Each structure stands twice: as structure tokens, then as C-alpha cells.
C-alpha atoms as a PDB file:
ATOM      1  CA  MET A   1      61.884  83.278  46.109  1.00  0.00           C
ATOM      2  CA  SER A   2      63.389  79.583  45.221  1.00  0.00           C
ATOM      3  CA  GLU A   3      64.406  79.008  41.654  1.00  0.00           C
ATOM      4  CA  ASP A   4      63.943  75.267  41.914  1.00  0.00           C
ATOM      5  CA  LYS A   5      61.447  73.762  39.267  1.00  0.00           C
ATOM      6  CA  PHE A   6      59.563  70.835  39.986  1.00  0.00           C
ATOM      7  CA  ILE A   7      57.248  68.662  37.658  1.00  0.00           C
ATOM      8  CA  ILE A   8      55.063  65.998  39.414  1.00  0.00           C
ATOM      9  CA  LEU A   9      54.243  63.133  37.191  1.00  0.00           C
ATOM     10  CA  ASP A  10      51.892  60.025  38.132  1.00  0.00           C
ATOM     11  CA  ARG A  11      53.796  56.672  37.240  1.00  0.00           C
ATOM     12  CA  ASP A  12      51.248  54.661  36.195  1.00  0.00           C
ATOM     13  CA  GLY A  13      49.934  55.501  32.610  1.00  0.00           C
ATOM     14  CA  VAL A  14      52.492  57.963  32.492  1.00  0.00           C
ATOM     15  CA  ILE A  15      55.528  56.614  33.018  1.00  0.00           C
ATOM     16  CA  ASN A  16      54.861  52.872  32.888  1.00  0.00           C
ATOM     17  CA  TYR A  17      51.947  50.762  31.143  1.00  0.00           C
ATOM     18  CA  GLU A  18      48.882  50.820  33.180  1.00  0.00           C
ATOM     19  CA  SER A  19      47.061  47.322  34.070  1.00  0.00           C
ATOM     20  CA  ARG A  20      43.369  46.747  35.562  1.00  0.00           C
ATOM     21  CA  GLU A  21      44.858  44.228  37.146  1.00  0.00           C
ATOM     22  CA  PHE A  22      47.581  46.389  39.023  1.00  0.00           C
ATOM     23  CA  ILE A  23      51.292  46.485  38.584  1.00  0.00           C
ATOM     24  CA  LYS A  24      51.785  43.771  41.233  1.00  0.00           C
ATOM     25  CA  THR A  25      55.794  42.804  40.560  1.00  0.00           C
ATOM     26  CA  ASP A  26      58.727  44.607  38.880  1.00  0.00           C
ATOM     27  CA  ASN A  27      58.567  42.052  35.820  1.00  0.00           C
ATOM     28  CA  GLU A  28      55.161  43.460  35.677  1.00  0.00           C
ATOM     29  CA  TRP A  29      56.568  47.107  35.238  1.00  0.00           C
ATOM     30  CA  LYS A  30      57.075  48.307  31.618  1.00  0.00           C
ATOM     31  CA  PRO A  31      58.042  51.847  30.779  1.00  0.00           C
ATOM     32  CA  ILE A  32      55.909  53.299  27.931  1.00  0.00           C
ATOM     33  CA  PRO A  33      58.382  54.347  24.909  1.00  0.00           C
ATOM     34  CA  ARG A  34      60.344  57.594  25.590  1.00  0.00           C
ATOM     35  CA  SER A  35      59.201  58.308  29.231  1.00  0.00           C
ATOM     36  CA  LEU A  36      62.407  57.728  30.590  1.00  0.00           C
ATOM     37  CA  GLU A  37      64.108  59.741  28.134  1.00  0.00           C
ATOM     38  CA  ALA A  38      61.526  62.525  29.054  1.00  0.00           C
ATOM     39  CA  ILE A  39      62.351  62.685  32.587  1.00  0.00           C
ATOM     40  CA  LYS A  40      66.157  62.894  31.788  1.00  0.00           C
ATOM     41  CA  LYS A  41      65.390  65.568  29.315  1.00  0.00           C
ATOM     42  CA  LEU A  42      63.198  67.546  31.864  1.00  0.00           C
ATOM     43  CA  ASN A  43      66.207  66.830  34.373  1.00  0.00           C
ATOM     44  CA  GLU A  44      68.477  68.602  31.480  1.00  0.00           C
ATOM     45  CA  LYS A  45      66.375  71.505  31.711  1.00  0.00           C
ATOM     46  CA  ASP A  46      66.877  71.788  35.920  1.00  0.00           C
ATOM     47  CA  TYR A  47      63.314  70.379  36.711  1.00  0.00           C
ATOM     48  CA  GLN A  48      63.500  67.916  39.646  1.00  0.00           C
ATOM     49  CA  ILE A  49      60.367  65.159  39.198  1.00  0.00           C
ATOM     50  CA  ILE A  50      58.484  63.793  41.915  1.00  0.00           C
ATOM     51  CA  ILE A  51      56.270  60.730  41.225  1.00  0.00           C
ATOM     52  CA  ILE A  52      52.757  60.814  43.189  1.00  0.00           C
ATOM     53  CA  THR A  53      51.181  57.186  43.005  1.00  0.00           C
ATOM     54  CA  ASN A  54      48.033  56.091  44.110  1.00  0.00           C
ATOM     55  CA  GLN A  55      48.675  52.465  44.936  1.00  0.00           C
ATOM     56  CA  SER A  56      45.477  51.380  46.432  1.00  0.00           C
ATOM     57  CA  GLY A  57      46.139  47.809  45.804  1.00  0.00           C
ATOM     58  CA  ILE A  58      48.653  47.641  48.654  1.00  0.00           C
ATOM     59  CA  ASN A  59      45.885  48.390  51.059  1.00  0.00           C
ATOM     60  CA  ARG A  60      43.422  45.952  49.287  1.00  0.00           C
ATOM     61  CA  ASN A  61      46.713  43.424  49.753  1.00  0.00           C
ATOM     62  CA  ILE A  62      46.504  42.987  45.971  1.00  0.00           C
ATOM     63  CA  ILE A  63      50.113  44.580  45.919  1.00  0.00           C
ATOM     64  CA  ASN A  64      52.740  43.220  48.501  1.00  0.00           C
ATOM     65  CA  TYR A  65      54.440  46.290  49.999  1.00  0.00           C
ATOM     66  CA  ASN A  66      58.116  44.905  49.176  1.00  0.00           C
ATOM     67  CA  ASP A  67      56.985  44.158  45.855  1.00  0.00           C
ATOM     68  CA  PHE A  68      55.742  47.878  45.479  1.00  0.00           C
ATOM     69  CA  VAL A  69      59.349  48.917  46.567  1.00  0.00           C
ATOM     70  CA  LYS A  70      61.083  46.472  43.949  1.00  0.00           C
ATOM     71  CA  ILE A  71      58.983  48.000  41.117  1.00  0.00           C
ATOM     72  CA  ASN A  72      59.985  51.670  42.304  1.00  0.00           C
ATOM     73  CA  LEU A  73      63.590  50.622  42.347  1.00  0.00           C
ATOM     74  CA  LYS A  74      63.243  49.209  38.901  1.00  0.00           C
ATOM     75  CA  MET A  75      62.255  52.220  37.695  1.00  0.00           C
ATOM     76  CA  LEU A  76      64.597  54.149  39.123  1.00  0.00           C
ATOM     77  CA  GLU A  77      67.572  52.262  37.895  1.00  0.00           C
ATOM     78  CA  GLN A  78      66.417  52.389  34.473  1.00  0.00           C
ATOM     79  CA  ILE A  79      65.932  56.282  34.921  1.00  0.00           C
ATOM     80  CA  GLU A  80      69.647  56.454  36.564  1.00  0.00           C
ATOM     81  CA  LYS A  81      70.875  54.213  33.825  1.00  0.00           C
ATOM     82  CA  ILE A  82      69.944  56.534  31.365  1.00  0.00           C
ATOM     83  CA  GLY A  83      71.109  59.734  33.249  1.00  0.00           C
ATOM     84  CA  GLY A  84      68.134  60.539  34.844  1.00  0.00           C
ATOM     85  CA  SER A  85      67.009  61.366  38.252  1.00  0.00           C
ATOM     86  CA  ILE A  86      63.904  61.027  40.387  1.00  0.00           C
ATOM     87  CA  ALA A  87      63.758  63.544  43.250  1.00  0.00           C
ATOM     88  CA  SER A  88      61.104  61.886  45.338  1.00  0.00           C
ATOM     89  CA  ILE A  89      58.401  59.273  44.995  1.00  0.00           C
ATOM     90  CA  VAL A  90      54.991  60.013  46.802  1.00  0.00           C
ATOM     91  CA  TYR A  91      52.471  57.469  47.187  1.00  0.00           C
ATOM     92  CA  SER A  92      49.140  56.599  48.836  1.00  0.00           C
ATOM     93  CA  PRO A  93      47.802  53.277  49.660  1.00  0.00           C
ATOM     94  CA  TYR A  94      44.368  53.961  49.752  1.00  0.00           C
END
């Protein structure tokens, strides 16, 4: 049996503030206080973090796919900057 430990987190409303108008650019992405530090602490306890996010704004042409990637890159950079890591990001554009 594998001893890998995983935690699955939603992105919007868990790691960053949510918006009724969608997070459309990396400038609109703002982490919830201490959420990034919480990810780092989970990593320190040997948890791998997987982010699963529903991004229906992509399919509805509210969010440009390239901007979606930039948002995630900003999030990953900020998490890595404090010593945390994300194993995977999985999304649905529907």
C-alpha cells in the first residue's frame, strides 16, 4: 500500500478570494490570509497538495485560457516563494 498522503483543495474561495465576476487576470488573484502558509505546513507534514478547480468562465469566454494559466502560475510562484509546493492542478472548463 502506498504511503503517499494527498489533500485536495479547491482554488477559489479556499486558497484565494472568490469573485462573482470570476477571477479573470493574475492581478485579480488575491490569496486568503494564511492560506499559502497552510499549504506549506501541510507539505511539511508530507502531504502532497492537489488543486481541483471548476473554471466554467473559460468555456463561456469570460476567462481567457492564457490568463487562467497566468493566474495559476502566480499562485504557484507565491506558494513556492514561501517554501510550499503543489503536486498538480486539475480543472474543468465547464
